Amino acid sequence: MGIRLPGIMAHAKHILRVGSLLTSSTACNVPKGYLAVYVGETQTRKKRFLVPISYLNQPAFQDMLRKAEEEFGFNHPTGGLTIPCNEDMFINLTSRLNG
């Protein structure tokens, strides 16, 4: 049984609505069922990842999102979800969720 984080889910839904309204090429390249997130520790070195929306139900992913929100909030100029963490840590976590 996972921890419910209504604030994060509401924020993710808002991002999806805003993203669908954007006309930039990055917004158009997000397949249905995925969410674009920007990962990186510095503003100039953020990398874009596409993650399945199902990750939002995973306790480990929710924990990472909660920590990021508490420390930094979720802000990105294009409406994407920004996770200010080490890219290797993010890849490690998503790899574990995949397999």
PDB file of N, CA and C in Angstrom:
ATOM      1  N   MET A   1       0.848  -1.175   0.000  1.00  0.00           N
ATOM      2  CA  MET A   1       0.000   0.000   0.000  1.00  0.00           C
ATOM      3  C   MET A   1       0.893   1.238   0.000  1.00  0.00           C
ATOM      4  N   GLY A   2       0.716   2.098  -0.956  1.00  0.00           N
ATOM      5  CA  GLY A   2       1.556   3.283  -1.101  1.00  0.00           C
ATOM      6  C   GLY A   2       1.033   4.462  -0.316  1.00  0.00           C
ATOM      7  N   ILE A   3       1.902   5.400  -0.089  1.00  0.00           N
ATOM      8  CA  ILE A   3       1.539   6.642   0.574  1.00  0.00           C
ATOM      9  C   ILE A   3       0.878   7.548  -0.451  1.00  0.00           C
ATOM     10  N   ARG A   4      -0.224   8.135  -0.085  1.00  0.00           N
ATOM     11  CA  ARG A   4      -0.909   9.032  -1.011  1.00  0.00           C
ATOM     12  C   ARG A   4      -0.396  10.443  -0.804  1.00  0.00           C
ATOM     13  N   LEU A   5      -0.040  11.087  -1.888  1.00  0.00           N
ATOM     14  CA  LEU A   5       0.449  12.455  -1.844  1.00  0.00           C
ATOM     15  C   LEU A   5      -0.413  13.296  -2.775  1.00  0.00           C
ATOM     16  N   PRO A   6      -1.575  13.738  -2.286  1.00  0.00           N
ATOM     17  CA  PRO A   6      -2.479  14.473  -3.169  1.00  0.00           C
ATOM     18  C   PRO A   6      -1.876  15.733  -3.747  1.00  0.00           C
ATOM     19  N   GLY A   7      -1.006  16.412  -3.030  1.00  0.00           N
ATOM     20  CA  GLY A   7      -0.389  17.627  -3.552  1.00  0.00           C
ATOM     21  C   GLY A   7       0.474  17.350  -4.772  1.00  0.00           C
ATOM     22  N   ILE A   8       1.248  16.282  -4.731  1.00  0.00           N
ATOM     23  CA  ILE A   8       2.106  15.924  -5.855  1.00  0.00           C
ATOM     24  C   ILE A   8       1.262  15.470  -7.035  1.00  0.00           C
ATOM     25  N   MET A   9       0.233  14.674  -6.770  1.00  0.00           N
ATOM     26  CA  MET A   9      -0.630  14.213  -7.861  1.00  0.00           C
ATOM     27  C   MET A   9      -1.337  15.392  -8.509  1.00  0.00           C
ATOM     28  N   ALA A  10      -1.822  16.324  -7.709  1.00  0.00           N
ATOM     29  CA  ALA A  10      -2.500  17.497  -8.261  1.00  0.00           C
ATOM     30  C   ALA A  10      -1.529  18.321  -9.092  1.00  0.00           C
ATOM     31  N   HIS A  11      -0.288  18.455  -8.607  1.00  0.00           N
ATOM     32  CA  HIS A  11       0.720  19.214  -9.350  1.00  0.00           C
ATOM     33  C   HIS A  11       1.037  18.526 -10.673  1.00  0.00           C
ATOM     34  N   ALA A  12       1.162  17.213 -10.645  1.00  0.00           N
ATOM     35  CA  ALA A  12       1.450  16.469 -11.875  1.00  0.00           C
ATOM     36  C   ALA A  12       0.306  16.609 -12.874  1.00  0.00           C
ATOM     37  N   LYS A  13      -0.932  16.551 -12.400  1.00  0.00           N
ATOM     38  CA  LYS A  13      -2.080  16.730 -13.291  1.00  0.00           C
ATOM     39  C   LYS A  13      -2.088  18.128 -13.889  1.00  0.00           C
ATOM     40  N   HIS A  14      -1.726  19.123 -13.079  1.00  0.00           N
ATOM     41  CA  HIS A  14      -1.652  20.501 -13.581  1.00  0.00           C
ATOM     42  C   HIS A  14      -0.585  20.608 -14.671  1.00  0.00           C
ATOM     43  N   ILE A  15       0.547  19.977 -14.457  1.00  0.00           N
ATOM     44  CA  ILE A  15       1.623  19.996 -15.443  1.00  0.00           C
ATOM     45  C   ILE A  15       1.146  19.369 -16.748  1.00  0.00           C
ATOM     46  N   LEU A  16       0.412  18.260 -16.643  1.00  0.00           N
ATOM     47  CA  LEU A  16      -0.084  17.616 -17.847  1.00  0.00           C
ATOM     48  C   LEU A  16      -1.044  18.527 -18.602  1.00  0.00           C
ATOM     49  N   ARG A  17      -1.910  19.237 -17.882  1.00  0.00           N
ATOM     50  CA  ARG A  17      -2.852  20.159 -18.534  1.00  0.00           C
ATOM     51  C   ARG A  17      -2.095  21.311 -19.184  1.00  0.00           C
ATOM     52  N   VAL A  18      -1.156  21.902 -18.457  1.00  0.00           N
ATOM     53  CA  VAL A  18      -0.385  23.012 -18.998  1.00  0.00           C
ATOM     54  C   VAL A  18       0.447  22.534 -20.175  1.00  0.00           C
ATOM     55  N   GLY A  19       1.074  21.385 -20.036  1.00  0.00           N
ATOM     56  CA  GLY A  19       1.900  20.842 -21.110  1.00  0.00           C
ATOM     57  C   GLY A  19       1.107  20.608 -22.380  1.00  0.00           C
ATOM     58  N   SER A  20      -0.151  20.211 -22.246  1.00  0.00           N
ATOM     59  CA  SER A  20      -0.952  19.968 -23.444  1.00  0.00           C
ATOM     60  C   SER A  20      -1.308  21.269 -24.148  1.00  0.00           C
ATOM     61  N   LEU A  21      -1.219  22.398 -23.444  1.00  0.00           N
ATOM     62  CA  LEU A  21      -1.531  23.683 -24.043  1.00  0.00           C
ATOM     63  C   LEU A  21      -0.330  24.325 -24.720  1.00  0.00           C
ATOM     64  N   LEU A  22       0.869  23.870 -24.369  1.00  0.00           N
ATOM     65  CA  LEU A  22       2.078  24.454 -24.944  1.00  0.00           C
ATOM     66  C   LEU A  22       2.236  24.003 -26.387  1.00  0.00           C
ATOM     67  N   THR A  23       2.798  24.850 -27.204  1.00  0.00           N
ATOM     68  CA  THR A  23       2.990  24.501 -28.609  1.00  0.00           C
ATOM     69  C   THR A  23       4.436  24.226 -28.943  1.00  0.00           C
ATOM     70  N   SER A  24       5.316  24.261 -27.957  1.00  0.00           N
ATOM     71  CA  SER A  24       6.739  24.009 -28.231  1.00  0.00           C
ATOM     72  C   SER A  24       6.939  22.550 -28.615  1.00  0.00           C
ATOM     73  N   SER A  25       8.042  22.275 -29.284  1.00  0.00           N
ATOM     74  CA  SER A  25       8.317  20.910 -29.730  1.00  0.00           C
ATOM     75  C   SER A  25       8.524  19.968 -28.553  1.00  0.00           C
ATOM     76  N   THR A  26       9.015  20.475 -27.411  1.00  0.00           N
ATOM     77  CA  THR A  26       9.226  19.590 -26.267  1.00  0.00           C
ATOM     78  C   THR A  26       7.909  19.103 -25.711  1.00  0.00           C
ATOM     79  N   ALA A  27       6.890  19.929 -25.667  1.00  0.00           N
ATOM     80  CA  ALA A  27       5.589  19.511 -25.144  1.00  0.00           C
ATOM     81  C   ALA A  27       4.946  18.503 -26.071  1.00  0.00           C
ATOM     82  N   CYS A  28       5.169  18.625 -27.360  1.00  0.00           N
ATOM     83  CA  CYS A  28       4.555  17.728 -28.333  1.00  0.00           C
ATOM     84  C   CYS A  28       5.205  16.355 -28.338  1.00  0.00           C
ATOM     85  N   ASN A  29       6.387  16.222 -27.793  1.00  0.00           N
ATOM     86  CA  ASN A  29       7.115  14.963 -27.843  1.00  0.00           C
ATOM     87  C   ASN A  29       6.939  14.097 -26.608  1.00  0.00           C
ATOM     88  N   VAL A  30       5.912  14.341 -25.818  1.00  0.00           N
ATOM     89  CA  VAL A  30       5.644  13.522 -24.644  1.00  0.00           C
ATOM     90  C   VAL A  30       4.505  12.560 -24.991  1.00  0.00           C
ATOM     91  N   PRO A  31       4.815  11.265 -25.076  1.00  0.00           N
ATOM     92  CA  PRO A  31       3.769  10.308 -25.427  1.00  0.00           C
ATOM     93  C   PRO A  31       2.717  10.186 -24.326  1.00  0.00           C
ATOM     94  N   LYS A  32       1.545   9.771 -24.712  1.00  0.00           N
ATOM     95  CA  LYS A  32       0.463   9.571 -23.760  1.00  0.00           C
ATOM     96  C   LYS A  32       0.910   8.540 -22.714  1.00  0.00           C
ATOM     97  N   GLY A  33       0.622   8.841 -21.457  1.00  0.00           N
ATOM     98  CA  GLY A  33       1.002   7.945 -20.376  1.00  0.00           C
ATOM     99  C   GLY A  33       2.358   8.251 -19.767  1.00  0.00           C
ATOM    100  N   TYR A  34       3.002   9.308 -20.232  1.00  0.00           N
ATOM    101  CA  TYR A  34       4.315   9.695 -19.728  1.00  0.00           C
ATOM    102  C   TYR A  34       4.290  11.134 -19.242  1.00  0.00           C
ATOM    103  N   LEU A  35       5.280  11.466 -18.457  1.00  0.00           N
ATOM    104  CA  LEU A  35       5.441  12.803 -17.914  1.00  0.00           C
ATOM    105  C   LEU A  35       6.886  13.232 -18.140  1.00  0.00           C
ATOM    106  N   ALA A  36       7.074  14.441 -18.634  1.00  0.00           N
ATOM    107  CA  ALA A  36       8.427  14.967 -18.804  1.00  0.00           C
ATOM    108  C   ALA A  36       8.891  15.546 -17.478  1.00  0.00           C
ATOM    109  N   VAL A  37      10.073  15.149 -17.040  1.00  0.00           N
ATOM    110  CA  VAL A  37      10.677  15.714 -15.836  1.00  0.00           C
ATOM    111  C   VAL A  37      12.070  16.198 -16.196  1.00  0.00           C
ATOM    112  N   TYR A  38      12.492  17.236 -15.510  1.00  0.00           N
ATOM    113  CA  TYR A  38      13.815  17.802 -15.711  1.00  0.00           C
ATOM    114  C   TYR A  38      14.626  17.507 -14.462  1.00  0.00           C
ATOM    115  N   VAL A  39      15.776  16.856 -14.654  1.00  0.00           N
ATOM    116  CA  VAL A  39      16.588  16.383 -13.537  1.00  0.00           C
ATOM    117  C   VAL A  39      17.970  17.002 -13.622  1.00  0.00           C
ATOM    118  N   GLY A  40      18.453  17.474 -12.494  1.00  0.00           N
ATOM    119  CA  GLY A  40      19.804  18.018 -12.421  1.00  0.00           C
ATOM    120  C   GLY A  40      19.969  18.885 -11.199  1.00  0.00           C
ATOM    121  N   GLU A  41      21.206  18.996 -10.755  1.00  0.00           N
ATOM    122  CA  GLU A  41      21.489  19.752  -9.537  1.00  0.00           C
ATOM    123  C   GLU A  41      21.698  21.235  -9.790  1.00  0.00           C
ATOM    124  N   THR A  42      22.035  21.601 -11.028  1.00  0.00           N
ATOM    125  CA  THR A  42      22.218  23.013 -11.342  1.00  0.00           C
ATOM    126  C   THR A  42      21.233  23.419 -12.423  1.00  0.00           C
ATOM    127  N   GLN A  43      20.873  24.685 -12.432  1.00  0.00           N
ATOM    128  CA  GLN A  43      19.877  25.187 -13.377  1.00  0.00           C
ATOM    129  C   GLN A  43      20.323  25.012 -14.835  1.00  0.00           C
ATOM    130  N   THR A  44      21.618  25.150 -15.081  1.00  0.00           N
ATOM    131  CA  THR A  44      22.106  25.084 -16.455  1.00  0.00           C
ATOM    132  C   THR A  44      22.345  23.665 -16.947  1.00  0.00           C
ATOM    133  N   ARG A  45      22.325  22.679 -16.057  1.00  0.00           N
ATOM    134  CA  ARG A  45      22.645  21.304 -16.445  1.00  0.00           C
ATOM    135  C   ARG A  45      21.487  20.353 -16.196  1.00  0.00           C
ATOM    136  N   LYS A  46      20.281  20.769 -16.458  1.00  0.00           N
ATOM    137  CA  LYS A  46      19.129  19.900 -16.276  1.00  0.00           C
ATOM    138  C   LYS A  46      18.905  19.076 -17.540  1.00  0.00           C
ATOM    139  N   LYS A  47      18.582  17.804 -17.348  1.00  0.00           N
ATOM    140  CA  LYS A  47      18.336  16.905 -18.464  1.00  0.00           C
ATOM    141  C   LYS A  47      16.883  16.447 -18.411  1.00  0.00           C
ATOM    142  N   ARG A  48      16.271  16.349 -19.573  1.00  0.00           N
ATOM    143  CA  ARG A  48      14.857  15.979 -19.668  1.00  0.00           C
ATOM    144  C   ARG A  48      14.730  14.462 -19.771  1.00  0.00           C
ATOM    145  N   PHE A  49      13.829  13.913 -18.943  1.00  0.00           N
ATOM    146  CA  PHE A  49      13.525  12.487 -18.963  1.00  0.00           C
ATOM    147  C   PHE A  49      12.026  12.319 -19.130  1.00  0.00           C
ATOM    148  N   LEU A  50      11.626  11.244 -19.769  1.00  0.00           N
ATOM    149  CA  LEU A  50      10.218  10.875 -19.847  1.00  0.00           C
ATOM    150  C   LEU A  50      10.015   9.679 -18.929  1.00  0.00           C
ATOM    151  N   VAL A  51       9.101   9.829 -17.984  1.00  0.00           N
ATOM    152  CA  VAL A  51       8.833   8.739 -17.048  1.00  0.00           C
ATOM    153  C   VAL A  51       7.362   8.352 -17.150  1.00  0.00           C
ATOM    154  N   PRO A  52       7.066   7.074 -16.988  1.00  0.00           N
ATOM    155  CA  PRO A  52       5.669   6.650 -17.016  1.00  0.00           C
ATOM    156  C   PRO A  52       4.896   7.291 -15.859  1.00  0.00           C
ATOM    157  N   ILE A  53       3.679   7.664 -16.117  1.00  0.00           N
ATOM    158  CA  ILE A  53       2.845   8.253 -15.072  1.00  0.00           C
ATOM    159  C   ILE A  53       2.657   7.274 -13.919  1.00  0.00           C
ATOM    160  N   SER A  54       2.741   5.990 -14.190  1.00  0.00           N
ATOM    161  CA  SER A  54       2.583   4.979 -13.139  1.00  0.00           C
ATOM    162  C   SER A  54       3.627   5.137 -12.031  1.00  0.00           C
ATOM    163  N   TYR A  55       4.769   5.785 -12.324  1.00  0.00           N
ATOM    164  CA  TYR A  55       5.784   6.018 -11.290  1.00  0.00           C
ATOM    165  C   TYR A  55       5.233   6.877 -10.156  1.00  0.00           C
ATOM    166  N   LEU A  56       4.234   7.698 -10.445  1.00  0.00           N
ATOM    167  CA  LEU A  56       3.666   8.566  -9.403  1.00  0.00           C
ATOM    168  C   LEU A  56       3.014   7.761  -8.282  1.00  0.00           C
ATOM    169  N   ASN A  57       2.720   6.492  -8.533  1.00  0.00           N
ATOM    170  CA  ASN A  57       2.143   5.629  -7.509  1.00  0.00           C
ATOM    171  C   ASN A  57       3.200   4.851  -6.732  1.00  0.00           C
ATOM    172  N   GLN A  58       4.457   4.933  -7.136  1.00  0.00           N
ATOM    173  CA  GLN A  58       5.530   4.181  -6.488  1.00  0.00           C
ATOM    174  C   GLN A  58       6.054   4.929  -5.267  1.00  0.00           C
ATOM    175  N   PRO A  59       6.076   4.269  -4.089  1.00  0.00           N
ATOM    176  CA  PRO A  59       6.535   4.938  -2.866  1.00  0.00           C
ATOM    177  C   PRO A  59       7.934   5.548  -2.978  1.00  0.00           C
ATOM    178  N   ALA A  60       8.865   4.884  -3.642  1.00  0.00           N
ATOM    179  CA  ALA A  60      10.232   5.423  -3.753  1.00  0.00           C
ATOM    180  C   ALA A  60      10.238   6.704  -4.594  1.00  0.00           C
ATOM    181  N   PHE A  61       9.455   6.727  -5.673  1.00  0.00           N
ATOM    182  CA  PHE A  61       9.380   7.913  -6.515  1.00  0.00           C
ATOM    183  C   PHE A  61       8.668   9.043  -5.773  1.00  0.00           C
ATOM    184  N   GLN A  62       7.608   8.705  -5.035  1.00  0.00           N
ATOM    185  CA  GLN A  62       6.894   9.703  -4.237  1.00  0.00           C
ATOM    186  C   GLN A  62       7.802  10.316  -3.187  1.00  0.00           C
ATOM    187  N   ASP A  63       8.629   9.495  -2.567  1.00  0.00           N
ATOM    188  CA  ASP A  63       9.558   9.993  -1.551  1.00  0.00           C
ATOM    189  C   ASP A  63      10.541  10.992  -2.163  1.00  0.00           C
ATOM    190  N   MET A  64      11.073  10.663  -3.349  1.00  0.00           N
ATOM    191  CA  MET A  64      11.998  11.571  -4.020  1.00  0.00           C
ATOM    192  C   MET A  64      11.296  12.882  -4.372  1.00  0.00           C
ATOM    193  N   LEU A  65      10.060  12.801  -4.868  1.00  0.00           N
ATOM    194  CA  LEU A  65       9.304  14.009  -5.218  1.00  0.00           C
ATOM    195  C   LEU A  65       9.010  14.859  -3.987  1.00  0.00           C
ATOM    196  N   ARG A  66       8.650  14.204  -2.894  1.00  0.00           N
ATOM    197  CA  ARG A  66       8.346  14.934  -1.662  1.00  0.00           C
ATOM    198  C   ARG A  66       9.577  15.691  -1.157  1.00  0.00           C
ATOM    199  N   LYS A  67      10.737  15.027  -1.173  1.00  0.00           N
ATOM    200  CA  LYS A  67      11.973  15.678  -0.728  1.00  0.00           C
ATOM    201  C   LYS A  67      12.328  16.844  -1.642  1.00  0.00           C
ATOM    202  N   ALA A  68      12.170  16.660  -2.942  1.00  0.00           N
ATOM    203  CA  ALA A  68      12.471  17.739  -3.880  1.00  0.00           C
ATOM    204  C   ALA A  68      11.531  18.916  -3.683  1.00  0.00           C
ATOM    205  N   GLU A  69      10.254  18.621  -3.466  1.00  0.00           N
ATOM    206  CA  GLU A  69       9.280  19.701  -3.262  1.00  0.00           C
ATOM    207  C   GLU A  69       9.560  20.468  -1.975  1.00  0.00           C
ATOM    208  N   GLU A  70       9.876  19.754  -0.894  1.00  0.00           N
ATOM    209  CA  GLU A  70      10.155  20.410   0.384  1.00  0.00           C
ATOM    210  C   GLU A  70      11.364  21.336   0.294  1.00  0.00           C
ATOM    211  N   GLU A  71      12.380  20.880  -0.411  1.00  0.00           N
ATOM    212  CA  GLU A  71      13.609  21.658  -0.463  1.00  0.00           C
ATOM    213  C   GLU A  71      13.607  22.735  -1.541  1.00  0.00           C
ATOM    214  N   PHE A  72      13.032  22.430  -2.704  1.00  0.00           N
ATOM    215  CA  PHE A  72      13.163  23.330  -3.841  1.00  0.00           C
ATOM    216  C   PHE A  72      11.852  23.770  -4.477  1.00  0.00           C
ATOM    217  N   GLY A  73      10.772  23.064  -4.248  1.00  0.00           N
ATOM    218  CA  GLY A  73       9.530  23.335  -4.974  1.00  0.00           C
ATOM    219  C   GLY A  73       9.633  22.742  -6.369  1.00  0.00           C
ATOM    220  N   PHE A  74       8.575  22.861  -7.141  1.00  0.00           N
ATOM    221  CA  PHE A  74       8.567  22.330  -8.505  1.00  0.00           C
ATOM    222  C   PHE A  74       8.356  23.484  -9.460  1.00  0.00           C
ATOM    223  N   ASN A  75       9.405  23.929 -10.112  1.00  0.00           N
ATOM    224  CA  ASN A  75       9.299  25.037 -11.052  1.00  0.00           C
ATOM    225  C   ASN A  75      10.148  24.762 -12.277  1.00  0.00           C
ATOM    226  N   HIS A  76       9.570  24.992 -13.439  1.00  0.00           N
ATOM    227  CA  HIS A  76      10.315  24.939 -14.681  1.00  0.00           C
ATOM    228  C   HIS A  76       9.629  25.873 -15.652  1.00  0.00           C
ATOM    229  N   PRO A  77      10.380  26.644 -16.422  1.00  0.00           N
ATOM    230  CA  PRO A  77       9.771  27.642 -17.309  1.00  0.00           C
ATOM    231  C   PRO A  77       8.750  27.071 -18.284  1.00  0.00           C
ATOM    232  N   THR A  78       8.905  25.829 -18.704  1.00  0.00           N
ATOM    233  CA  THR A  78       7.971  25.255 -19.667  1.00  0.00           C
ATOM    234  C   THR A  78       6.844  24.480 -19.004  1.00  0.00           C
ATOM    235  N   GLY A  79       6.754  24.532 -17.691  1.00  0.00           N
ATOM    236  CA  GLY A  79       5.688  23.822 -16.998  1.00  0.00           C
ATOM    237  C   GLY A  79       6.038  22.398 -16.628  1.00  0.00           C
ATOM    238  N   GLY A  80       7.255  21.968 -16.902  1.00  0.00           N
ATOM    239  CA  GLY A  80       7.666  20.612 -16.569  1.00  0.00           C
ATOM    240  C   GLY A  80       8.003  20.470 -15.091  1.00  0.00           C
ATOM    241  N   LEU A  81       8.004  19.264 -14.639  1.00  0.00           N
ATOM    242  CA  LEU A  81       8.346  18.949 -13.260  1.00  0.00           C
ATOM    243  C   LEU A  81       9.862  18.924 -13.136  1.00  0.00           C
ATOM    244  N   THR A  82      10.419  19.733 -12.232  1.00  0.00           N
ATOM    245  CA  THR A  82      11.863  19.801 -12.036  1.00  0.00           C
ATOM    246  C   THR A  82      12.244  19.066 -10.767  1.00  0.00           C
ATOM    247  N   ILE A  83      13.187  18.133 -10.886  1.00  0.00           N
ATOM    248  CA  ILE A  83      13.679  17.369  -9.744  1.00  0.00           C
ATOM    249  C   ILE A  83      15.158  17.688  -9.589  1.00  0.00           C
ATOM    250  N   PRO A  84      15.513  18.527  -8.618  1.00  0.00           N
ATOM    251  CA  PRO A  84      16.909  18.945  -8.464  1.00  0.00           C
ATOM    252  C   PRO A  84      17.727  17.917  -7.686  1.00  0.00           C
ATOM    253  N   CYS A  85      18.016  16.794  -8.343  1.00  0.00           N
ATOM    254  CA  CYS A  85      18.837  15.773  -7.697  1.00  0.00           C
ATOM    255  C   CYS A  85      19.910  15.320  -8.679  1.00  0.00           C
ATOM    256  N   ASN A  86      20.809  14.524  -8.196  1.00  0.00           N
ATOM    257  CA  ASN A  86      21.879  13.970  -9.004  1.00  0.00           C
ATOM    258  C   ASN A  86      21.275  13.082 -10.087  1.00  0.00           C
ATOM    259  N   GLU A  87      21.717  13.268 -11.316  1.00  0.00           N
ATOM    260  CA  GLU A  87      21.173  12.505 -12.446  1.00  0.00           C
ATOM    261  C   GLU A  87      21.389  11.005 -12.267  1.00  0.00           C
ATOM    262  N   ASP A  88      22.543  10.599 -11.758  1.00  0.00           N
ATOM    263  CA  ASP A  88      22.814   9.176 -11.540  1.00  0.00           C
ATOM    264  C   ASP A  88      21.859   8.576 -10.521  1.00  0.00           C
ATOM    265  N   MET A  89      21.539   9.331  -9.465  1.00  0.00           N
ATOM    266  CA  MET A  89      20.591   8.858  -8.462  1.00  0.00           C
ATOM    267  C   MET A  89      19.209   8.650  -9.086  1.00  0.00           C
ATOM    268  N   PHE A  90      18.796   9.598  -9.934  1.00  0.00           N
ATOM    269  CA  PHE A  90      17.501   9.497 -10.598  1.00  0.00           C
ATOM    270  C   PHE A  90      17.455   8.269 -11.514  1.00  0.00           C
ATOM    271  N   ILE A  91      18.515   8.069 -12.282  1.00  0.00           N
ATOM    272  CA  ILE A  91      18.571   6.911 -13.189  1.00  0.00           C
ATOM    273  C   ILE A  91      18.554   5.611 -12.393  1.00  0.00           C
ATOM    274  N   ASN A  92      19.284   5.571 -11.289  1.00  0.00           N
ATOM    275  CA  ASN A  92      19.306   4.393 -10.430  1.00  0.00           C
ATOM    276  C   ASN A  92      17.894   4.072  -9.923  1.00  0.00           C
ATOM    277  N   LEU A  93      17.197   5.094  -9.441  1.00  0.00           N
ATOM    278  CA  LEU A  93      15.850   4.886  -8.914  1.00  0.00           C
ATOM    279  C   LEU A  93      14.890   4.404 -10.002  1.00  0.00           C
ATOM    280  N   THR A  94      14.900   5.064 -11.154  1.00  0.00           N
ATOM    281  CA  THR A  94      13.980   4.670 -12.217  1.00  0.00           C
ATOM    282  C   THR A  94      14.318   3.289 -12.776  1.00  0.00           C
ATOM    283  N   SER A  95      15.595   2.911 -12.756  1.00  0.00           N
ATOM    284  CA  SER A  95      15.977   1.571 -13.197  1.00  0.00           C
ATOM    285  C   SER A  95      15.396   0.520 -12.254  1.00  0.00           C
ATOM    286  N   ARG A  96      15.439   0.798 -10.960  1.00  0.00           N
ATOM    287  CA  ARG A  96      14.861  -0.139  -9.990  1.00  0.00           C
ATOM    288  C   ARG A  96      13.351  -0.243 -10.165  1.00  0.00           C
ATOM    289  N   LEU A  97      12.691   0.871 -10.497  1.00  0.00           N
ATOM    290  CA  LEU A  97      11.251   0.839 -10.698  1.00  0.00           C
ATOM    291  C   LEU A  97      10.882   0.085 -11.967  1.00  0.00           C
ATOM    292  N   ASN A  98      11.755   0.072 -12.957  1.00  0.00           N
ATOM    293  CA  ASN A  98      11.508  -0.649 -14.208  1.00  0.00           C
ATOM    294  C   ASN A  98      11.640  -2.162 -14.065  1.00  0.00           C
ATOM    295  N   GLY A  99      12.477  -2.583 -13.134  1.00  0.00           N
ATOM    296  CA  GLY A  99      12.771  -4.008 -13.136  1.00  0.00           C
ATOM    297  C   GLY A  99      12.637  -4.675 -11.855  1.00  0.00           C
TER     298      GLY A  99
END
